[in-house]
């Protein structure tokens, strides 16, 4: 939606100067597709920074970008300073934001008037936000004002929901904090991500933060509320990942969206190696417990942001989808925390870890690598040592657990406290059953293809490898029957035919077939609507042209379409973002509930 704030034009007498004062070319917030109120007054539904120390002489600032999701719209954001000031003070305010003042010579009064009076009537999605009185100079005869519509969206970042899990709280259950709305809360910057390696290493143990994206600041009208749990094999990722930026979802879908951090890797999933260790000392599944506390925070506080705590939908992709399955598996612990669930690309055929697997293959190996025999010793280790031990375990996983070597070795554990059995057994009514809520679950057409290179299986792959793979996974007799049945015929004319066939098999085996079975059994068991989908179109401009996923619809290729992720769209070079992509993305973000 094309969003402009008329209040920034100020009074008619100072209009030409005022325009130069309030429009600043912005290059530091290219990923912001909402209007960000960086310093709103602290109240029941707002958060602010200390304007006297953080942003001198800056009372408020808003970031405006075009979020129509089309190719021509995502690259021209502005920071607006709505308060009237002289040019010198405007330049100083801009410098505090790391920007420079927009020159009055670059845009005359006539061009602004033309934009508002001639172009606006031709736009079907042209919004004019009015925070205060419009300039009396401008005629309203030909402008399009939608109920003096407010800004399209606000974000509140880095809100703490639990105490820092450091010192004696490392490996412990999260300790919830109460958020006070009686004083200012700095929610202008994302909190630290949890410690991790991978493509984006770093992070701090003090990482239990969440972010709230809302289309409005009023708490009077409650909105539906997706809570997004990021993926990353339970070892990487963050609730502030730009790829999962829900700004467009909030602003275009008119929903409140929450993204969360949770502890990862060994810090989030260390299991006790000795049954004599008390669960109160080492509860296990710490990362899952973080998710529960974050959802409890939502129940208590989301009304302050215009969200409806009775309309929470939990929503996750990849390991995030596994997390959704996990939360559905513990109805006693999650009762009343959500009303629906969406699981994207959950590798359902990979079960939860058993307590033995987690304690022996993961925790036991880690403690051995760190020369620790006690929890006290583990708490004394620096984070980098723990991450290095974790990396060694995952790297050596093919020797310890070949079937899990490339997908989520570290993951939730059947601990007998939160999780009592695997999801299929719980659906069948064992051990307390599952949460009974509507469910949407689905996959990509070629989920597994992107993982084949991680197994050293690249083109050209000998045809014999396919038979060996099926034999390893299915056993000799079942593999012969599968090959004879013929659903995975190798195209002899395709140099990459063996890898393509193996990708189809792995996608069906780990994702599609288990998803179909789960959808049917869950619907029959809980008596709630279940919606199954498969994406046969994807978008990921970061794939090299030689990648097998360049011509397939692979794991993660739905993220840009589902979230209308600005960073992914802006990186399109070899694979342009098309009008079809934009239309599909608009449909997605506007239909989330």
Protein backbone atom coordinates (compact mmCIF):
# COMPACT_ATOMS: atom_id res chain seq x y z
CA UNK A 1 0.00 0.00 0.00
CA UNK A 2 1.35 3.41 -0.87
CA UNK A 3 1.62 5.16 2.46
CA UNK A 4 2.31 8.87 2.95
CA UNK A 5 1.79 10.94 6.07
CA UNK A 6 0.21 14.31 5.32
CA UNK A 7 1.00 15.59 8.81
CA UNK A 8 4.67 15.69 7.88
CA UNK A 9 3.99 18.52 5.41
CA UNK A 10 3.22 20.89 8.30
CA UNK A 11 1.71 24.34 7.85
CA UNK A 12 1.23 26.06 4.51
CA UNK A 13 3.44 29.03 5.31
CA UNK A 14 6.48 26.88 5.83
CA UNK A 15 5.59 24.15 3.36
CA UNK A 16 8.51 24.25 0.94
CA UNK A 17 11.06 24.33 3.74
CA UNK A 18 9.11 21.81 5.77
CA UNK A 19 9.23 19.25 2.99
CA UNK A 20 13.01 19.38 3.02
CA UNK A 21 13.00 19.05 6.77
CA UNK A 22 10.92 15.92 7.05
CA UNK A 23 11.87 13.69 4.13
CA UNK A 24 15.18 11.86 4.42
CA UNK A 25 16.47 9.31 1.96
CA UNK A 26 16.91 6.16 4.05
CA UNK A 27 19.28 3.32 3.31
CA UNK A 28 19.50 1.82 6.78
CA UNK A 29 15.97 0.43 6.98
CA UNK A 30 15.50 -1.11 3.55
CA UNK A 31 13.84 -4.12 5.13
CA UNK A 32 11.12 -2.15 6.91
CA UNK A 33 7.86 -2.50 5.06
CA UNK A 34 5.77 -1.01 7.81
CA UNK A 35 5.64 2.38 9.44
CA UNK A 36 7.86 2.23 12.50
CA UNK A 37 7.05 4.52 15.40
CA UNK A 38 10.47 4.57 16.99
CA UNK A 39 9.71 6.84 19.92
CA UNK A 40 6.04 6.72 20.81
CA UNK A 41 4.93 7.90 24.21
CA UNK A 42 4.97 5.14 26.79
CA UNK A 43 1.42 3.99 27.51
CA UNK A 44 -0.59 0.80 27.75
CA UNK A 45 -0.13 0.03 24.07
CA UNK A 46 3.22 1.52 23.22
CA UNK A 47 6.92 1.38 23.90
CA UNK A 48 9.55 4.05 23.57
CA UNK A 49 13.19 4.92 23.82
CA UNK A 50 14.59 7.61 26.08
CA UNK A 51 14.48 10.51 23.65
CA UNK A 52 16.78 12.62 25.77
CA UNK A 53 19.66 10.17 25.62
CA UNK A 54 19.05 7.90 22.64
CA UNK A 55 17.73 10.27 19.97
CA UNK A 56 18.54 13.90 20.87
CA UNK A 57 16.15 16.58 19.57
CA UNK A 58 14.06 13.86 17.94
CA UNK A 59 10.51 13.60 19.24
CA UNK A 60 9.31 10.97 16.78
CA UNK A 61 10.31 9.32 13.54
CA UNK A 62 8.52 7.07 11.12
CA UNK A 63 9.78 4.86 8.33
CA UNK A 64 7.58 4.76 5.25
CA UNK A 65 7.96 2.37 2.37
CA UNK A 66 5.73 1.16 -0.41
CA UNK A 67 4.50 -2.32 0.47
CA UNK A 68 2.34 -3.15 -2.53
CA UNK A 69 4.79 -6.09 -2.96
CA UNK A 70 5.33 -5.30 -6.62
CA UNK A 71 8.78 -5.14 -8.19
CA UNK A 72 8.76 -1.35 -8.40
CA UNK A 73 7.76 -0.69 -4.85
CA UNK A 74 10.19 -2.06 -2.30
CA UNK A 75 13.26 0.13 -2.71
CA UNK A 76 12.31 3.67 -1.76
CA UNK A 77 11.82 4.12 1.98
CA UNK A 78 11.78 7.45 3.79
CA UNK A 79 12.26 8.43 7.39
CA UNK A 80 9.77 11.13 8.30
CA UNK A 81 10.19 13.63 11.13
CA UNK A 82 6.64 14.88 11.65
CA UNK A 83 7.46 17.78 13.99
CA UNK A 84 8.08 21.21 12.49
CA UNK A 85 11.64 22.47 12.97
CA UNK A 86 14.13 24.73 11.25
CA UNK A 87 16.34 23.21 8.57
CA UNK A 88 19.46 23.21 10.79
CA UNK A 89 17.73 21.21 13.51
CA UNK A 90 16.27 18.91 10.87
CA UNK A 91 19.75 18.18 9.54
CA UNK A 92 21.00 17.48 13.08
CA UNK A 93 18.10 15.12 13.75
CA UNK A 94 18.85 13.30 10.52
CA UNK A 95 22.50 12.91 11.42
CA UNK A 96 21.51 11.30 14.72
CA UNK A 97 19.76 8.65 12.65
CA UNK A 98 22.82 8.15 10.48
CA UNK A 99 21.14 9.83 7.50
CA UNK A 100 21.31 13.12 5.61
CA UNK A 101 18.58 15.67 5.08
CA UNK A 102 16.63 15.40 1.85
CA UNK A 103 17.34 18.45 -0.28
CA UNK A 104 14.47 20.77 -1.10
CA UNK A 105 15.92 21.14 -4.59
CA UNK A 106 15.22 17.47 -5.26
CA UNK A 107 11.47 17.75 -4.93
CA UNK A 108 9.49 20.90 -5.45
CA UNK A 109 6.10 21.76 -4.05
CA UNK A 110 4.54 21.23 -7.44
CA UNK A 111 5.83 17.68 -7.73
CA UNK A 112 4.40 16.77 -4.33
CA UNK A 113 1.06 18.30 -5.19
CA UNK A 114 1.06 16.44 -8.51
CA UNK A 115 1.80 13.18 -6.73
CA UNK A 116 -1.12 13.67 -4.36
CA UNK A 117 -3.68 15.09 -6.77
CA UNK A 118 -2.98 13.33 -10.07
CA UNK A 119 -1.43 10.00 -9.17
CA UNK A 120 -3.50 9.20 -6.10
CA UNK A 121 -6.86 8.71 -7.88
CA UNK A 122 -5.26 6.08 -10.12
CA UNK A 123 -3.98 4.03 -7.23
CA UNK A 124 -6.27 1.39 -5.80
CA UNK A 125 -4.13 1.09 -2.67
CA UNK A 126 -2.99 4.62 -1.89
CA UNK A 127 -3.18 5.44 1.81
CA UNK A 128 -2.81 8.81 3.45
CA UNK A 129 -2.09 8.55 7.14
CA UNK A 130 -3.08 11.59 9.21
CA UNK A 131 -1.41 11.90 12.57
CA UNK A 132 -2.29 15.60 12.80
CA UNK A 133 -3.81 18.34 10.67
CA UNK A 134 -2.92 18.34 6.99
CA UNK A 135 -1.31 21.28 5.29
CA UNK A 136 -3.90 23.92 4.45
CA UNK A 137 -2.02 24.66 1.21
CA UNK A 138 -3.00 21.34 -0.35
CA UNK A 139 -6.39 20.88 -1.92
CA UNK A 140 -8.30 17.78 -0.91
CA UNK A 141 -10.46 17.79 -4.02
CA UNK A 142 -8.52 15.13 -5.87
CA UNK A 143 -6.73 13.33 -3.05
CA UNK A 144 -7.81 9.96 -1.76
CA UNK A 145 -8.20 9.85 2.01
CA UNK A 146 -9.37 6.58 3.54
CA UNK A 147 -11.04 7.55 6.80
CA UNK A 148 -7.95 9.57 7.62
CA UNK A 149 -6.27 6.15 7.76
CA UNK A 150 -3.50 5.66 10.26
CA UNK A 151 -0.02 4.31 9.59
CA UNK A 152 0.09 0.83 8.15
CA UNK A 153 2.05 -0.87 10.89
CA UNK A 154 4.22 -0.60 13.98
CA UNK A 155 6.95 -2.81 15.36
CA UNK A 156 8.10 -3.27 18.94
CA UNK A 157 11.37 -5.15 19.15
CA UNK A 158 13.48 -6.72 21.86
CA UNK A 159 10.79 -7.15 24.52
CA UNK A 160 12.04 -9.42 27.29
CA UNK A 161 9.74 -12.29 28.26
CA UNK A 162 12.09 -14.23 30.57
CA UNK A 163 15.16 -13.61 32.68
CA UNK A 164 18.57 -14.04 31.11
CA UNK A 165 19.37 -17.79 31.25
CA UNK A 166 22.90 -17.29 32.54
CA UNK A 167 24.84 -18.49 35.57
CA UNK A 168 22.65 -20.75 37.67
CA UNK A 169 19.85 -20.33 35.12
CA UNK A 170 21.88 -21.86 32.28
CA UNK A 171 20.12 -25.14 31.32
CA UNK A 172 17.33 -24.29 33.79
CA UNK A 173 13.67 -23.72 33.04
CA UNK A 174 12.95 -20.15 31.91
CA UNK A 175 11.93 -17.67 34.57
CA UNK A 176 9.14 -15.44 33.30
CA UNK A 177 9.27 -11.69 33.82
CA UNK A 178 6.39 -9.30 34.29
CA UNK A 179 6.28 -6.42 31.84
CA UNK A 180 5.32 -3.11 33.42
CA UNK A 181 3.47 -0.68 31.17
CA UNK A 182 3.57 2.14 33.71
CA UNK A 183 6.89 3.45 32.40
CA UNK A 184 8.73 3.62 29.11
CA UNK A 185 9.98 0.37 27.60
CA UNK A 186 12.71 0.60 24.99
CA UNK A 187 11.37 -1.51 22.13
CA UNK A 188 13.27 0.12 19.29
CA UNK A 189 15.88 -2.57 18.59
CA UNK A 190 15.87 -6.34 18.38
CA UNK A 191 17.29 -8.26 21.31
CA UNK A 192 20.29 -10.51 20.86
CA UNK A 193 19.76 -13.80 19.08
CA UNK A 194 20.58 -16.96 21.01
CA UNK A 195 24.15 -18.33 20.66
CA UNK A 196 24.70 -20.26 17.43
CA UNK A 197 27.14 -21.17 14.70
CA UNK A 198 26.04 -21.78 11.10
CA UNK A 199 25.79 -19.13 8.39
CA UNK A 200 25.25 -16.30 10.88
CA UNK A 201 27.31 -17.14 13.98
CA UNK A 202 27.16 -15.16 17.19
CA UNK A 203 24.53 -14.26 19.75
CA UNK A 204 24.32 -13.92 23.52
CA UNK A 205 22.88 -16.16 26.21
CA UNK A 206 20.72 -13.24 27.29
CA UNK A 207 18.41 -13.79 24.33
CA UNK A 208 14.88 -14.50 25.55
CA UNK A 209 13.18 -11.67 23.71
CA UNK A 210 10.19 -11.34 21.41
CA UNK A 211 8.98 -8.82 18.85
CA UNK A 212 5.46 -7.54 18.22
CA UNK A 213 4.24 -6.25 14.85
CA UNK A 214 0.85 -4.58 14.85
CA UNK A 215 -1.21 -2.59 12.32
CA UNK A 216 -2.38 -0.18 15.01
CA UNK A 217 -1.51 1.19 18.41
CA UNK A 218 -5.02 1.17 19.83
CA UNK A 219 -5.95 -1.68 22.14
CA UNK A 220 -9.66 -1.08 21.56
CA UNK A 221 -10.12 -3.47 18.62
CA UNK A 222 -8.67 -6.94 19.04
CA UNK A 223 -7.01 -8.67 16.09
CA UNK A 224 -6.14 -12.26 15.28
CA UNK A 225 -2.66 -13.15 16.38
CA UNK A 226 -0.13 -15.43 14.66
CA UNK A 227 2.87 -16.30 16.82
CA UNK A 228 5.80 -17.32 14.60
CA UNK A 229 8.43 -19.84 15.73
CA UNK A 230 11.52 -19.74 13.55
CA UNK A 231 13.27 -22.75 12.05
CA UNK A 232 16.95 -23.62 11.82
CA UNK A 233 17.28 -27.27 12.92
CA UNK A 234 16.98 -26.11 16.55
CA UNK A 235 20.58 -24.88 16.32
CA UNK A 236 20.30 -21.62 14.36
CA UNK A 237 17.86 -18.80 13.68
CA UNK A 238 16.21 -15.91 15.45
CA UNK A 239 12.82 -14.30 15.79
CA UNK A 240 14.37 -11.24 14.15
CA UNK A 241 15.46 -13.06 10.97
CA UNK A 242 14.77 -10.64 8.07
CA UNK A 243 13.61 -13.55 5.92
CA UNK A 244 10.69 -14.07 8.32
CA UNK A 245 9.96 -10.37 8.74
CA UNK A 246 6.17 -10.25 9.29
CA UNK A 247 5.77 -6.50 8.72
CA UNK A 248 3.76 -6.98 5.53
CA UNK A 249 1.71 -9.69 7.18
CA UNK A 250 0.77 -7.30 9.98
CA UNK A 251 0.14 -4.23 7.85
CA UNK A 252 -1.64 -5.85 4.91
CA UNK A 253 -3.33 -8.66 6.82
CA UNK A 254 -4.42 -6.42 9.71
CA UNK A 255 -3.19 -8.94 12.27
CA UNK A 256 -0.87 -8.66 15.24
CA UNK A 257 2.20 -10.86 14.78
CA UNK A 258 4.69 -12.00 17.43
CA UNK A 259 8.09 -13.53 16.68
CA UNK A 260 10.14 -15.15 19.43
CA UNK A 261 13.64 -16.27 20.34
CA UNK A 262 14.21 -19.54 22.15
CA UNK A 263 17.37 -21.30 23.33
CA UNK A 264 19.11 -23.40 20.70
CA UNK A 265 21.46 -26.37 20.48
CA UNK A 266 22.98 -27.75 23.65
CA UNK A 267 21.98 -24.64 25.59
CA UNK A 268 18.35 -25.31 24.70
CA UNK A 269 18.17 -29.10 24.62
CA UNK A 270 20.75 -30.53 27.03
CA UNK A 271 19.30 -33.72 28.54
CA UNK A 272 20.35 -35.24 31.83
CA UNK A 273 22.86 -38.08 31.50
CA UNK A 274 22.08 -39.46 34.94
CA UNK A 275 18.53 -40.30 36.02
CA UNK A 276 19.50 -39.21 39.54
CA UNK A 277 19.74 -35.59 38.35
CA UNK A 278 16.55 -33.83 39.36
CA UNK A 279 14.27 -32.42 36.68
CA UNK A 280 14.10 -29.26 38.75
CA UNK A 281 17.85 -28.93 38.25
CA UNK A 282 18.02 -29.94 34.60
CA UNK A 283 14.49 -30.03 33.16
CA UNK A 284 15.47 -30.76 29.55
CA UNK A 285 13.66 -29.32 26.53
CA UNK A 286 14.65 -25.84 27.69
CA UNK A 287 14.00 -24.36 24.26
CA UNK A 288 10.47 -25.77 24.23
CA UNK A 289 9.89 -24.39 27.71
CA UNK A 290 10.99 -20.99 26.40
CA UNK A 291 8.28 -21.19 23.73
CA UNK A 292 5.66 -21.95 26.37
CA UNK A 293 6.69 -18.99 28.53
CA UNK A 294 6.64 -16.72 25.46
CA UNK A 295 3.08 -17.88 24.69
CA UNK A 296 2.12 -17.21 28.31
CA UNK A 297 3.53 -13.68 27.93
CA UNK A 298 1.33 -13.25 24.86
CA UNK A 299 -1.75 -14.28 26.82
CA UNK A 300 -1.02 -11.71 29.52
CA UNK A 301 0.17 -8.77 27.45
CA UNK A 302 -0.87 -8.88 23.82
CA UNK A 303 -4.06 -6.94 24.48
CA UNK A 304 -1.86 -3.89 25.03
CA UNK A 305 -0.92 -4.10 21.34
CA UNK A 306 -4.40 -4.66 19.94
CA UNK A 307 -4.11 -8.45 19.84
CA UNK A 308 -6.77 -10.91 20.94
CA UNK A 309 -5.36 -13.53 23.30
CA UNK A 310 -8.22 -15.88 22.42
CA UNK A 311 -7.21 -15.87 18.74
CA UNK A 312 -3.61 -17.06 18.89
CA UNK A 313 -2.38 -19.19 15.98
CA UNK A 314 1.05 -20.78 16.37
CA UNK A 315 2.97 -20.86 13.13
CA UNK A 316 6.37 -22.31 12.20
CA UNK A 317 8.47 -23.47 9.25
CA UNK A 318 10.99 -26.35 9.10
CA UNK A 319 12.26 -26.82 12.68
CA UNK A 320 9.61 -24.24 13.50
CA UNK A 321 7.07 -26.68 12.06
CA UNK A 322 8.57 -29.38 14.26
CA UNK A 323 8.13 -26.98 17.18
CA UNK A 324 4.44 -26.66 16.28
CA UNK A 325 4.15 -30.46 16.34
CA UNK A 326 5.90 -30.41 19.71
CA UNK A 327 3.52 -27.86 21.21
CA UNK A 328 0.55 -29.85 19.92
CA UNK A 329 2.03 -32.90 21.68
CA UNK A 330 1.76 -31.44 25.19
CA UNK A 331 -1.89 -30.46 25.74
CA UNK A 332 -1.50 -30.25 29.50
CA UNK A 333 1.33 -27.72 29.28
CA UNK A 334 -0.14 -25.62 26.46
CA UNK A 335 -3.83 -25.64 27.34
CA UNK A 336 -5.40 -22.29 26.47
CA UNK A 337 -2.27 -20.83 24.88
CA UNK A 338 -3.42 -21.09 21.24
CA UNK A 339 -6.55 -21.80 19.24
CA UNK A 340 -5.04 -23.04 15.92
CA UNK A 341 -1.74 -24.16 14.42
CA UNK A 342 0.13 -23.98 11.09
CA UNK A 343 3.10 -26.26 10.43
CA UNK A 344 5.15 -25.57 7.30
CA UNK A 345 7.58 -28.20 6.02
CA UNK A 346 7.86 -30.17 9.24
CA UNK A 347 9.92 -33.34 8.52
CA UNK A 348 7.25 -35.41 10.20
CA UNK A 349 8.89 -38.77 9.63
CA UNK A 350 11.71 -37.69 11.93
CA UNK A 351 10.45 -38.54 15.43
CA UNK A 352 11.26 -36.77 18.66
CA UNK A 353 14.48 -37.87 20.29
CA UNK A 354 14.22 -40.53 22.94
CA UNK A 355 15.69 -39.67 26.32
CA UNK A 356 18.40 -42.24 25.67
CA UNK A 357 19.37 -40.69 22.33
CA UNK A 358 19.50 -37.19 23.80
CA UNK A 359 21.44 -38.18 26.90
CA UNK A 360 23.86 -40.63 25.29
CA UNK A 361 24.51 -39.34 21.76
CA UNK A 362 24.13 -35.61 22.43
CA UNK A 363 24.54 -34.63 26.08
CA UNK A 364 26.91 -37.44 27.00
CA UNK A 365 29.14 -36.78 24.02
CA UNK A 366 29.15 -33.04 24.75
CA UNK A 367 30.11 -33.50 28.37
CA UNK A 368 32.88 -35.86 27.32
CA UNK A 369 34.25 -33.36 24.81
CA UNK A 370 34.21 -30.68 27.52
CA UNK A 371 35.70 -33.00 30.17
CA UNK A 372 32.66 -32.44 32.39
CA UNK A 373 30.92 -34.93 34.64
CA UNK A 374 28.61 -32.51 36.45
CA UNK A 375 26.11 -29.83 35.59
CA UNK A 376 28.19 -27.36 37.59
CA UNK A 377 31.08 -27.98 35.22
CA UNK A 378 28.83 -27.46 32.19
CA UNK A 379 27.63 -24.16 33.61
CA UNK A 380 31.23 -23.02 34.02
CA UNK A 381 32.08 -23.54 30.34
CA UNK A 382 32.20 -20.53 28.05
CA UNK A 383 29.64 -20.38 25.28
CA UNK A 384 32.14 -20.86 22.47
CA UNK A 385 33.37 -24.13 24.00
CA UNK A 386 29.80 -25.43 24.21
CA UNK A 387 29.09 -24.41 20.61
CA UNK A 388 32.27 -26.06 19.39
CA UNK A 389 31.35 -29.28 21.18
CA UNK A 390 27.90 -29.09 19.65
CA UNK A 391 29.38 -28.60 16.19
CA UNK A 392 31.62 -31.64 16.64
CA UNK A 393 28.65 -33.78 17.64
CA UNK A 394 26.56 -32.70 14.66
CA UNK A 395 29.52 -33.14 12.29
CA UNK A 396 30.11 -36.66 13.58
CA UNK A 397 26.42 -37.54 13.57
CA UNK A 398 26.69 -39.68 10.46
CA UNK A 399 28.84 -42.10 12.46
CA UNK A 400 26.49 -42.20 15.44
CA UNK A 401 23.03 -41.89 13.87
CA UNK A 402 23.15 -42.02 10.04
CA UNK A 403 19.41 -41.56 9.61
CA UNK A 404 19.57 -38.19 11.40
CA UNK A 405 22.83 -36.87 10.01
CA UNK A 406 21.36 -34.07 7.93
CA UNK A 407 18.12 -33.18 9.69
CA UNK A 408 17.73 -32.01 13.27
CA UNK A 409 19.98 -34.23 15.37
CA UNK A 410 19.32 -31.84 18.26
CA UNK A 411 15.57 -31.55 18.79
CA UNK A 412 12.80 -32.01 21.38
CA UNK A 413 13.02 -35.09 23.59
CA UNK A 414 10.39 -37.46 24.94
CA UNK A 415 11.15 -36.60 28.56
CA UNK A 416 8.10 -37.98 30.37
CA UNK A 417 7.36 -34.53 31.76
CA UNK A 418 6.33 -32.34 28.83
CA UNK A 419 6.39 -34.87 25.98
CA UNK A 420 5.21 -38.41 26.64
CA UNK A 421 5.32 -40.04 23.22
CA UNK A 422 5.73 -39.42 19.50
CA UNK A 423 3.01 -37.46 17.76
CA UNK A 424 1.50 -40.39 15.86
CA UNK A 425 1.11 -42.34 19.10
CA UNK A 426 -0.41 -39.35 20.87
CA UNK A 427 -2.90 -38.90 18.03
CA UNK A 428 -3.90 -42.52 18.55
CA UNK A 429 -4.94 -41.56 22.08
CA UNK A 430 -1.93 -42.72 24.04
CA UNK A 431 -0.30 -40.84 26.92
CA UNK A 432 -2.72 -37.93 27.13
CA UNK A 433 -3.34 -37.34 23.45
CA UNK A 434 -2.78 -34.08 21.57
CA UNK A 435 -4.08 -30.52 21.61
CA UNK A 436 -7.40 -30.40 19.77
CA UNK A 437 -7.26 -27.35 17.53
CA UNK A 438 -7.70 -26.66 13.79
CA UNK A 439 -4.49 -27.44 11.91
CA UNK A 440 -2.97 -26.41 8.59
CA UNK A 441 -0.02 -28.48 7.47
CA UNK A 442 1.87 -28.73 4.22
CA UNK A 443 5.04 -29.21 2.24
CA UNK A 444 7.01 -28.07 -0.76
CA UNK A 445 6.98 -30.21 -3.90
CA UNK A 446 10.71 -30.99 -3.69
CA UNK A 447 11.41 -30.63 0.04
CA UNK A 448 14.45 -32.91 0.20
CA UNK A 449 16.33 -31.82 -2.92
CA UNK A 450 18.17 -29.03 -1.21
CA UNK A 451 19.57 -31.41 1.41
CA UNK A 452 21.14 -33.85 -1.03
CA UNK A 453 24.38 -31.86 -1.44
CA UNK A 454 24.87 -31.97 2.34
CA UNK A 455 25.18 -35.73 2.02
CA UNK A 456 27.85 -35.42 -0.63
CA UNK A 457 25.36 -36.42 -3.30
CA UNK A 458 25.90 -34.01 -6.16
CA UNK A 459 25.56 -34.27 -9.90
CA UNK A 460 26.33 -36.52 -11.66
CA UNK A 461 25.21 -39.24 -9.27
CA UNK A 462 25.61 -42.90 -10.35
CA UNK A 463 22.34 -44.79 -10.66
CA UNK A 464 23.62 -47.37 -8.16
CA UNK A 465 23.51 -44.76 -5.40
CA UNK A 466 19.73 -44.61 -5.60
CA UNK A 467 19.35 -48.32 -4.90
CA UNK A 468 21.80 -48.10 -2.02
CA UNK A 469 19.88 -45.19 -0.52
CA UNK A 470 16.56 -47.00 -0.69
CA UNK A 471 18.14 -50.11 0.77
CA UNK A 472 19.56 -48.15 3.70
CA UNK A 473 16.28 -46.38 4.44
CA UNK A 474 13.70 -49.05 3.62
CA UNK A 475 15.59 -52.30 3.92
CA UNK A 476 16.39 -54.68 1.10
CA UNK A 477 12.95 -56.17 0.41
CA UNK A 478 11.01 -52.91 0.65
CA UNK A 479 13.54 -51.15 -1.56
CA UNK A 480 13.16 -53.81 -4.26
CA UNK A 481 9.38 -53.47 -4.11
CA UNK A 482 9.59 -49.68 -4.32
CA UNK A 483 11.90 -49.78 -7.33
CA UNK A 484 9.72 -52.40 -9.04
CA UNK A 485 6.58 -50.34 -8.42
CA UNK A 486 8.21 -47.54 -10.39
CA UNK A 487 7.16 -44.19 -8.86
CA UNK A 488 10.77 -43.00 -8.82
CA UNK A 489 11.99 -43.93 -12.27
CA UNK A 490 15.37 -42.47 -13.18
CA UNK A 491 15.25 -40.41 -16.37
CA UNK A 492 18.20 -41.72 -18.35
CA UNK A 493 18.17 -38.63 -20.59
CA UNK A 494 18.72 -36.31 -17.62
CA UNK A 495 22.38 -36.09 -16.48
CA UNK A 496 21.03 -35.33 -13.02
CA UNK A 497 18.28 -37.96 -13.20
CA UNK A 498 19.49 -40.08 -10.29
CA UNK A 499 19.64 -37.16 -7.89
CA UNK A 500 16.23 -35.92 -9.04
CA UNK A 501 14.70 -39.36 -8.42
CA UNK A 502 16.35 -39.57 -5.02
CA UNK A 503 15.02 -36.11 -4.19
CA UNK A 504 11.46 -37.15 -5.04
CA UNK A 505 11.81 -40.27 -2.90
CA UNK A 506 13.24 -38.41 0.10
CA UNK A 507 10.61 -35.66 -0.21
CA UNK A 508 7.81 -38.23 -0.19
CA UNK A 509 9.38 -40.36 2.54
CA UNK A 510 10.22 -37.60 5.02
CA UNK A 511 7.54 -35.02 4.23
CA UNK A 512 4.64 -35.66 1.86
CA UNK A 513 3.51 -39.17 2.82
CA UNK A 514 3.82 -38.64 6.59
CA UNK A 515 2.01 -35.31 6.20
CA UNK A 516 -0.90 -36.96 4.40
CA UNK A 517 -1.11 -39.68 7.03
CA UNK A 518 -0.90 -37.20 9.88
CA UNK A 519 -3.59 -34.96 8.38
CA UNK A 520 -5.97 -37.88 8.02
CA UNK A 521 -5.32 -39.37 11.45
CA UNK A 522 -5.36 -36.00 13.25
CA UNK A 523 -8.69 -35.02 11.66
CA UNK A 524 -10.21 -38.37 12.60
CA UNK A 525 -8.87 -38.20 16.15
CA UNK A 526 -9.53 -34.62 17.25
CA UNK A 527 -12.61 -33.78 15.20
CA UNK A 528 -11.24 -30.41 14.09
CA UNK A 529 -10.69 -29.04 10.57
CA UNK A 530 -7.37 -30.01 9.00
CA UNK A 531 -6.09 -28.30 5.86
CA UNK A 532 -3.29 -29.86 3.84
CA UNK A 533 -1.42 -28.05 1.07
CA UNK A 534 1.58 -28.45 -1.19
CA UNK A 535 3.49 -25.53 -2.70
CA UNK A 536 4.24 -26.22 -6.35
CA UNK A 537 5.72 -22.78 -6.81
CA UNK A 538 8.53 -21.22 -4.84
CA UNK A 539 10.79 -18.20 -4.83
CA UNK A 540 14.36 -17.99 -3.61
CA UNK A 541 16.68 -15.61 -5.48
CA UNK A 542 19.70 -16.83 -3.53
CA UNK A 543 19.90 -20.14 -5.38
CA UNK A 544 22.82 -20.37 -7.84
CA UNK A 545 21.75 -21.34 -11.34
CA UNK A 546 23.62 -24.64 -11.00
CA UNK A 547 21.77 -25.60 -7.82
CA UNK A 548 19.29 -28.47 -8.08
CA UNK A 549 16.74 -26.19 -6.43
CA UNK A 550 17.05 -23.59 -9.18
CA UNK A 551 14.57 -25.68 -11.19
CA UNK A 552 12.71 -27.31 -8.28
CA UNK A 553 10.51 -26.12 -5.43
CA UNK A 554 12.68 -26.85 -2.42
CA UNK A 555 12.61 -26.58 1.35
CA UNK A 556 12.31 -22.93 2.37
CA UNK A 557 11.25 -21.65 -1.05
CA UNK A 558 7.86 -20.65 0.37
CA UNK A 559 9.25 -18.20 2.93
CA UNK A 560 9.46 -15.16 0.65
CA UNK A 561 5.97 -15.82 -0.69
CA UNK A 562 4.35 -16.44 2.69
CA UNK A 563 5.99 -13.51 4.46
CA UNK A 564 6.54 -11.17 1.48
CA UNK A 565 10.06 -10.92 2.87
CA UNK A 566 11.63 -7.65 1.70
CA UNK A 567 15.27 -8.80 1.87
CA UNK A 568 14.63 -11.77 -0.38
CA UNK A 569 12.69 -9.68 -2.87
CA UNK A 570 15.36 -7.01 -2.99
CA UNK A 571 18.10 -9.55 -3.69
CA UNK A 572 16.42 -10.77 -6.86
CA UNK A 573 18.89 -10.69 -9.73
CA UNK A 574 18.91 -13.94 -11.66
CA UNK A 575 15.38 -14.73 -10.49
CA UNK A 576 13.24 -11.58 -10.68
CA UNK A 577 10.24 -11.09 -8.42
CA UNK A 578 7.28 -11.20 -10.78
CA UNK A 579 3.75 -9.85 -10.69
CA UNK A 580 2.60 -13.45 -10.17
CA UNK A 581 4.87 -13.72 -7.13
CA UNK A 582 3.48 -10.46 -5.80
CA UNK A 583 -0.12 -11.56 -6.31
CA UNK A 584 0.47 -14.88 -4.53
CA UNK A 585 2.32 -13.13 -1.71
CA UNK A 586 -0.47 -10.57 -1.25
CA UNK A 587 -2.99 -13.39 -1.02
CA UNK A 588 -0.86 -15.12 1.59
CA UNK A 589 -0.20 -12.20 3.92
CA UNK A 590 -3.75 -10.89 3.69
CA UNK A 591 -5.37 -14.21 4.58
CA UNK A 592 -3.46 -15.06 7.76
CA UNK A 593 -5.65 -15.38 10.84
